[in-house]
Amino acid sequence: MSEQKKLENSKKITKICLVTVTVLFLTVMLVVPLVSVLASALKEGFSFYIKAITTEYVLSAFKVTLIATVIAVVVNTFFGIWAAWLLTRFSFKGKQILATIIDIPFSISPVIVGLAYLMTFGRLGWMYPAIRAFNEFFETNVRITFAIPGVVLATIFVTFPFVSREIIPVLNAQGKDEEEAAALMGASGFTIFRKITLPQMKWGLVYGIILCTARALGEFGAVNALSKARGETFTLPLEIDALYMSGTDTSITAAFAVSSLLVVIALVILFARNIVERKFKKKSQGSQRR
């Protein structure tokens, strides 16, 4: 057998081994648990499943989750666009510090984030006197901790970097040539951004929004520290935890039923992400050929 053939056989065996190990790992770690969730959700039958996911507590949790996710995605999308534009197109003192600060949510535990907001806006927090004075002056009952604003703030914090960190590499790869040429021709800064920069970042922006949405839907740690009222400020992950910790057979099955909602949403988001990723790769390959 020639050396060439031995090398080809070795590569083939290596490929088979790697594929087998990867498939087995993904099956055991991802596919089987997710299938188990869906099977457990339907354990008591379809009528029980529908009843479990349409209770008052679950509908309230879904509403809070939707509110927090939408606000977090909108806020972080606008911030991500401006931060990415600033960091890739302008030079200024403290640029590296700003880039590092944006990445803080990646390195801090969500539980610590929740506690930090609790110590800022809670009864022992340094902002509480200002909140109390505001409520007394306007005769309102504005609350941050243990209320929806706290849930929203925690969700925004943990999803903070996702949009900007997807746009920055795209803008760096595109360079500044087109924008500089447009500026030399007299185009205004906003016109350059709208007609050149924004189209360049389009697929990175969509990809970042998808990742931000997925992270916001599944947030537990930070929200758990700031949300204690079931049926009012609980999100879906917290409602699932409450159902499971109840300990009865029906509540555990209901927990799996509610979990299946997040599984389905996650699969939809994954499908959307793959479509966006494929289109982005096609666009990148097309631009490279030109």
Protein backbone atom coordinates (compact mmCIF):
# COMPACT_ATOMS: atom_id res chain seq x y z
CA MET A 1 0.00 0.00 0.00
CA SER A 2 1.40 3.37 -1.02
CA GLU A 3 2.03 6.17 1.44
CA GLN A 4 -0.64 8.24 -0.29
CA LYS A 5 -3.25 5.54 0.25
CA LYS A 6 -2.22 5.08 3.89
CA LEU A 7 -2.60 8.81 4.45
CA GLU A 8 -6.06 8.82 2.84
CA ASN A 9 -7.18 5.85 4.96
CA SER A 10 -5.85 7.52 8.09
CA LYS A 11 -7.75 10.70 7.26
CA LYS A 12 -10.92 8.71 6.60
CA ILE A 13 -10.69 6.85 9.91
CA THR A 14 -9.97 10.08 11.77
CA LYS A 15 -12.97 11.76 10.14
CA ILE A 16 -15.28 8.84 11.03
CA CYS A 17 -14.06 8.87 14.64
CA LEU A 18 -14.52 12.64 14.96
CA VAL A 19 -18.00 12.55 13.42
CA THR A 20 -19.02 9.63 15.66
CA VAL A 21 -17.76 11.29 18.84
CA THR A 22 -19.41 14.62 17.89
CA VAL A 23 -22.76 13.02 17.07
CA LEU A 24 -22.73 10.94 20.26
CA PHE A 25 -21.80 13.96 22.39
CA LEU A 26 -24.51 16.17 20.85
CA THR A 27 -27.07 13.39 21.15
CA VAL A 28 -26.35 12.74 24.83
CA MET A 29 -25.85 16.37 25.87
CA LEU A 30 -28.47 18.14 23.72
CA VAL A 31 -30.89 15.98 21.76
CA VAL A 32 -31.83 13.46 24.47
CA PRO A 33 -32.48 16.11 27.19
CA LEU A 34 -34.59 18.22 24.83
CA VAL A 35 -36.60 15.22 23.66
CA SER A 36 -37.06 14.25 27.33
CA VAL A 37 -38.47 17.70 28.06
CA LEU A 38 -40.98 17.42 25.22
CA ALA A 39 -41.93 13.84 26.20
CA SER A 40 -42.37 14.80 29.87
CA ALA A 41 -44.46 17.81 28.84
CA LEU A 42 -46.99 15.51 27.15
CA LYS A 43 -46.88 12.88 29.88
CA GLU A 44 -50.39 13.68 31.18
CA GLY A 45 -51.89 14.12 27.74
CA PHE A 46 -52.47 17.01 25.36
CA SER A 47 -55.43 18.46 27.29
CA PHE A 48 -53.32 18.72 30.47
CA TYR A 49 -50.52 20.29 28.40
CA ILE A 50 -52.81 23.03 27.08
CA LYS A 51 -54.21 23.63 30.56
CA ALA A 52 -50.70 23.83 32.05
CA ILE A 53 -49.44 26.45 29.60
CA THR A 54 -52.55 28.63 29.81
CA THR A 55 -52.80 29.12 33.58
CA GLU A 56 -52.90 32.65 34.97
CA TYR A 57 -49.37 32.37 36.35
CA VAL A 58 -47.89 31.11 33.07
CA LEU A 59 -49.64 33.74 30.96
CA SER A 60 -48.42 36.44 33.35
CA ALA A 61 -44.86 35.04 33.19
CA PHE A 62 -45.03 34.94 29.40
CA LYS A 63 -46.19 38.57 29.32
CA VAL A 64 -43.37 39.72 31.62
CA THR A 65 -40.84 37.74 29.59
CA LEU A 66 -42.11 39.30 26.37
CA ILE A 67 -42.00 42.83 27.83
CA ALA A 68 -38.47 42.41 29.19
CA THR A 69 -37.22 40.79 25.98
CA VAL A 70 -38.70 43.39 23.63
CA ILE A 71 -37.41 46.35 25.67
CA ALA A 72 -33.97 44.76 26.10
CA VAL A 73 -33.66 44.01 22.38
CA VAL A 74 -34.77 47.52 21.35
CA VAL A 75 -32.45 49.27 23.84
CA ASN A 76 -29.46 47.06 23.07
CA THR A 77 -30.04 47.30 19.32
CA PHE A 78 -29.85 51.10 19.37
CA PHE A 79 -26.92 51.05 21.76
CA GLY A 80 -25.16 48.30 19.79
CA ILE A 81 -25.42 50.23 16.52
CA TRP A 82 -24.06 53.48 17.98
CA ALA A 83 -21.35 51.75 20.04
CA ALA A 84 -20.14 49.70 17.06
CA TRP A 85 -20.13 52.78 14.81
CA LEU A 86 -18.22 54.76 17.42
CA LEU A 87 -15.62 52.06 18.13
CA THR A 88 -14.92 51.21 14.49
CA ARG A 89 -15.09 54.61 12.82
CA PHE A 90 -13.68 57.11 15.34
CA SER A 91 -10.52 57.45 17.40
CA PHE A 92 -10.70 58.98 20.87
CA LYS A 93 -9.18 58.70 24.34
CA GLY A 94 -10.59 55.84 26.39
CA LYS A 95 -11.68 53.85 23.34
CA GLN A 96 -10.21 50.60 24.68
CA ILE A 97 -11.74 51.22 28.10
CA LEU A 98 -15.17 51.64 26.53
CA ALA A 99 -14.74 48.43 24.53
CA THR A 100 -13.79 46.60 27.74
CA ILE A 101 -16.76 47.99 29.67
CA ILE A 102 -19.14 46.73 26.97
CA ASP A 103 -17.83 43.20 27.56
CA ILE A 104 -18.42 43.27 31.35
CA PRO A 105 -21.70 41.27 31.20
CA PHE A 106 -19.76 38.38 29.61
CA SER A 107 -17.55 38.03 32.67
CA ILE A 108 -19.93 38.77 35.57
CA SER A 109 -22.33 36.18 36.96
CA PRO A 110 -25.98 37.15 36.38
CA VAL A 111 -26.68 36.58 40.09
CA ILE A 112 -24.13 39.29 40.95
CA VAL A 113 -25.87 41.61 38.49
CA GLY A 114 -29.18 41.07 40.27
CA LEU A 115 -27.62 41.70 43.67
CA ALA A 116 -25.88 44.84 42.35
CA TYR A 117 -29.22 46.29 41.21
CA LEU A 118 -30.76 45.25 44.52
CA MET A 119 -28.08 47.16 46.44
CA THR A 120 -28.51 50.15 44.12
CA PHE A 121 -32.30 50.49 43.92
CA GLY A 122 -33.49 48.39 46.89
CA ARG A 123 -34.37 49.67 50.37
CA LEU A 124 -30.70 49.62 51.38
CA GLY A 125 -29.48 51.05 48.07
CA TRP A 126 -28.02 54.52 47.57
CA MET A 127 -30.70 55.36 44.97
CA TYR A 128 -33.63 54.46 47.23
CA PRO A 129 -33.90 57.91 48.92
CA ALA A 130 -34.23 59.54 45.48
CA ILE A 131 -36.90 57.04 44.43
CA ARG A 132 -38.80 57.57 47.71
CA ALA A 133 -38.58 61.38 47.33
CA PHE A 134 -39.88 61.09 43.75
CA ASN A 135 -42.83 58.97 44.92
CA GLU A 136 -43.68 61.37 47.74
CA PHE A 137 -43.48 64.44 45.51
CA PHE A 138 -45.55 63.02 42.63
CA GLU A 139 -47.69 60.73 44.86
CA THR A 140 -46.73 57.68 42.83
CA ASN A 141 -45.51 54.18 43.70
CA VAL A 142 -42.54 53.75 41.36
CA ARG A 143 -40.47 50.68 42.21
CA ILE A 144 -37.40 49.17 40.61
CA THR A 145 -36.62 46.08 42.67
CA PHE A 146 -39.28 43.36 42.90
CA ALA A 147 -41.10 45.04 40.03
CA ILE A 148 -41.08 44.86 36.23
CA PRO A 149 -38.57 47.76 35.83
CA GLY A 150 -36.00 45.72 37.77
CA VAL A 151 -36.63 42.68 35.57
CA VAL A 152 -36.20 44.84 32.47
CA LEU A 153 -32.97 46.43 33.76
CA ALA A 154 -31.48 43.03 34.64
CA THR A 155 -32.38 41.66 31.20
CA ILE A 156 -30.86 44.67 29.46
CA PHE A 157 -27.63 44.27 31.43
CA VAL A 158 -27.05 40.58 30.69
CA THR A 159 -27.83 41.05 26.97
CA PHE A 160 -25.86 44.30 26.69
CA PRO A 161 -22.94 43.22 24.43
CA PHE A 162 -24.62 40.84 22.00
CA VAL A 163 -25.63 43.27 19.25
CA SER A 164 -22.51 45.46 19.31
CA ARG A 165 -20.15 42.46 19.38
CA GLU A 166 -21.74 41.06 16.22
CA ILE A 167 -21.59 44.37 14.35
CA ILE A 168 -18.02 45.43 15.25
CA PRO A 169 -16.21 42.62 13.34
CA VAL A 170 -18.41 43.24 10.28
CA LEU A 171 -17.60 46.97 10.19
CA ASN A 172 -13.89 46.30 10.79
CA ALA A 173 -13.86 43.86 7.87
CA GLN A 174 -15.63 46.34 5.55
CA GLY A 175 -13.15 49.14 6.25
CA LYS A 176 -13.70 52.90 5.83
CA ASP A 177 -12.93 53.42 2.13
CA GLU A 178 -16.52 53.86 0.91
CA GLU A 179 -17.43 56.15 3.80
CA GLU A 180 -14.35 58.32 3.29
CA ALA A 181 -15.09 58.59 -0.42
CA ALA A 182 -18.67 59.65 0.32
CA ALA A 183 -17.41 62.25 2.84
CA LEU A 184 -15.02 63.68 0.22
CA MET A 185 -17.99 64.02 -2.15
CA GLY A 186 -19.82 66.13 0.46
CA ALA A 187 -22.20 63.62 2.02
CA SER A 188 -23.28 64.37 5.61
CA GLY A 189 -22.45 62.03 8.48
CA PHE A 190 -26.04 60.78 8.84
CA THR A 191 -26.33 60.21 5.08
CA ILE A 192 -23.11 58.18 5.10
CA PHE A 193 -24.39 56.14 8.03
CA ARG A 194 -27.82 55.54 6.47
CA LYS A 195 -26.68 54.69 2.95
CA ILE A 196 -23.31 53.01 3.52
CA THR A 197 -22.65 51.99 7.14
CA LEU A 198 -26.10 50.62 7.99
CA PRO A 199 -26.36 48.38 4.89
CA GLN A 200 -22.86 47.05 5.62
CA MET A 201 -23.80 46.01 9.15
CA LYS A 202 -27.24 44.65 8.20
CA TRP A 203 -26.64 40.91 8.61
CA GLY A 204 -24.44 41.32 11.66
CA LEU A 205 -27.18 43.46 13.20
CA VAL A 206 -29.89 40.86 12.52
CA TYR A 207 -27.65 38.10 13.87
CA GLY A 208 -26.95 40.12 17.03
CA ILE A 209 -30.66 40.79 17.55
CA ILE A 210 -31.39 37.06 17.31
CA LEU A 211 -28.69 36.22 19.88
CA CYS A 212 -29.87 39.03 22.16
CA THR A 213 -33.45 37.72 21.98
CA ALA A 214 -32.40 34.17 22.78
CA ARG A 215 -30.35 35.29 25.78
CA ALA A 216 -33.13 37.54 27.11
CA LEU A 217 -35.75 34.79 26.93
CA GLY A 218 -33.69 32.38 29.00
CA GLU A 219 -32.31 34.73 31.67
CA PHE A 220 -32.76 33.39 35.20
CA GLY A 221 -30.05 34.44 37.68
CA ALA A 222 -30.23 38.24 37.49
CA VAL A 223 -34.01 38.29 37.23
CA ASN A 224 -34.39 35.86 40.13
CA ALA A 225 -32.70 38.35 42.50
CA LEU A 226 -35.09 41.14 41.48
CA SER A 227 -38.38 39.30 41.04
CA LYS A 228 -40.24 37.70 43.94
CA ALA A 229 -43.95 38.06 43.10
CA ARG A 230 -45.34 35.04 41.26
CA GLY A 231 -48.04 36.09 38.83
CA GLU A 232 -46.73 39.65 38.70
CA THR A 233 -42.97 39.81 38.03
CA PHE A 234 -42.03 36.18 37.34
CA THR A 235 -40.63 35.39 33.92
CA LEU A 236 -41.03 31.99 32.23
CA PRO A 237 -37.73 30.57 33.62
CA LEU A 238 -38.78 31.62 37.14
CA GLU A 239 -42.25 30.15 36.69
CA ILE A 240 -40.71 26.87 35.52
CA ASP A 241 -38.52 26.82 38.63
CA ALA A 242 -41.51 27.55 40.90
CA LEU A 243 -43.58 24.76 39.33
CA TYR A 244 -40.75 22.25 39.54
CA MET A 245 -39.91 23.14 43.16
CA SER A 246 -43.56 22.58 44.15
CA GLY A 247 -42.70 18.91 44.06
CA THR A 248 -46.06 17.37 43.08
CA ASP A 249 -46.37 15.11 40.03
CA THR A 250 -48.74 17.48 38.25
CA SER A 251 -46.65 20.59 38.96
CA ILE A 252 -43.47 18.88 37.73
CA THR A 253 -45.25 17.84 34.52
CA ALA A 254 -46.55 21.41 34.21
CA ALA A 255 -42.97 22.68 34.61
CA PHE A 256 -41.91 20.53 31.67
CA ALA A 257 -44.92 21.77 29.68
CA VAL A 258 -43.88 25.40 30.21
CA SER A 259 -40.26 24.46 29.49
CA SER A 260 -41.34 23.08 26.14
CA LEU A 261 -42.49 26.59 25.18
CA LEU A 262 -38.94 27.88 25.63
CA VAL A 263 -37.59 24.86 23.74
CA VAL A 264 -39.88 25.58 20.77
CA ILE A 265 -38.99 29.29 20.84
CA ALA A 266 -35.28 28.38 21.01
CA LEU A 267 -35.62 26.08 17.98
CA VAL A 268 -37.37 28.86 16.02
CA ILE A 269 -34.59 31.30 16.95
CA LEU A 270 -31.94 28.71 15.99
CA PHE A 271 -33.63 28.20 12.62
CA ALA A 272 -33.73 31.98 12.05
CA ARG A 273 -30.08 32.29 13.08
CA ASN A 274 -29.02 29.61 10.57
CA ILE A 275 -30.90 31.38 7.77
CA VAL A 276 -29.26 34.71 8.62
CA GLU A 277 -25.83 33.08 8.94
CA ARG A 278 -26.20 31.40 5.54
CA LYS A 279 -27.24 34.64 3.86
CA PHE A 280 -24.41 36.53 5.52
CA LYS A 281 -21.86 33.95 4.30
CA LYS A 282 -23.26 34.12 0.76
CA LYS A 283 -23.02 37.91 0.81
CA SER A 284 -19.44 37.76 2.13
CA GLN A 285 -18.42 35.26 -0.57
CA GLY A 286 -20.09 37.41 -3.24
CA SER A 287 -18.23 40.55 -2.11
CA GLN A 288 -14.91 38.66 -2.04
CA ARG A 289 -15.39 37.51 -5.64
CA ARG A 290 -15.90 41.09 -6.77
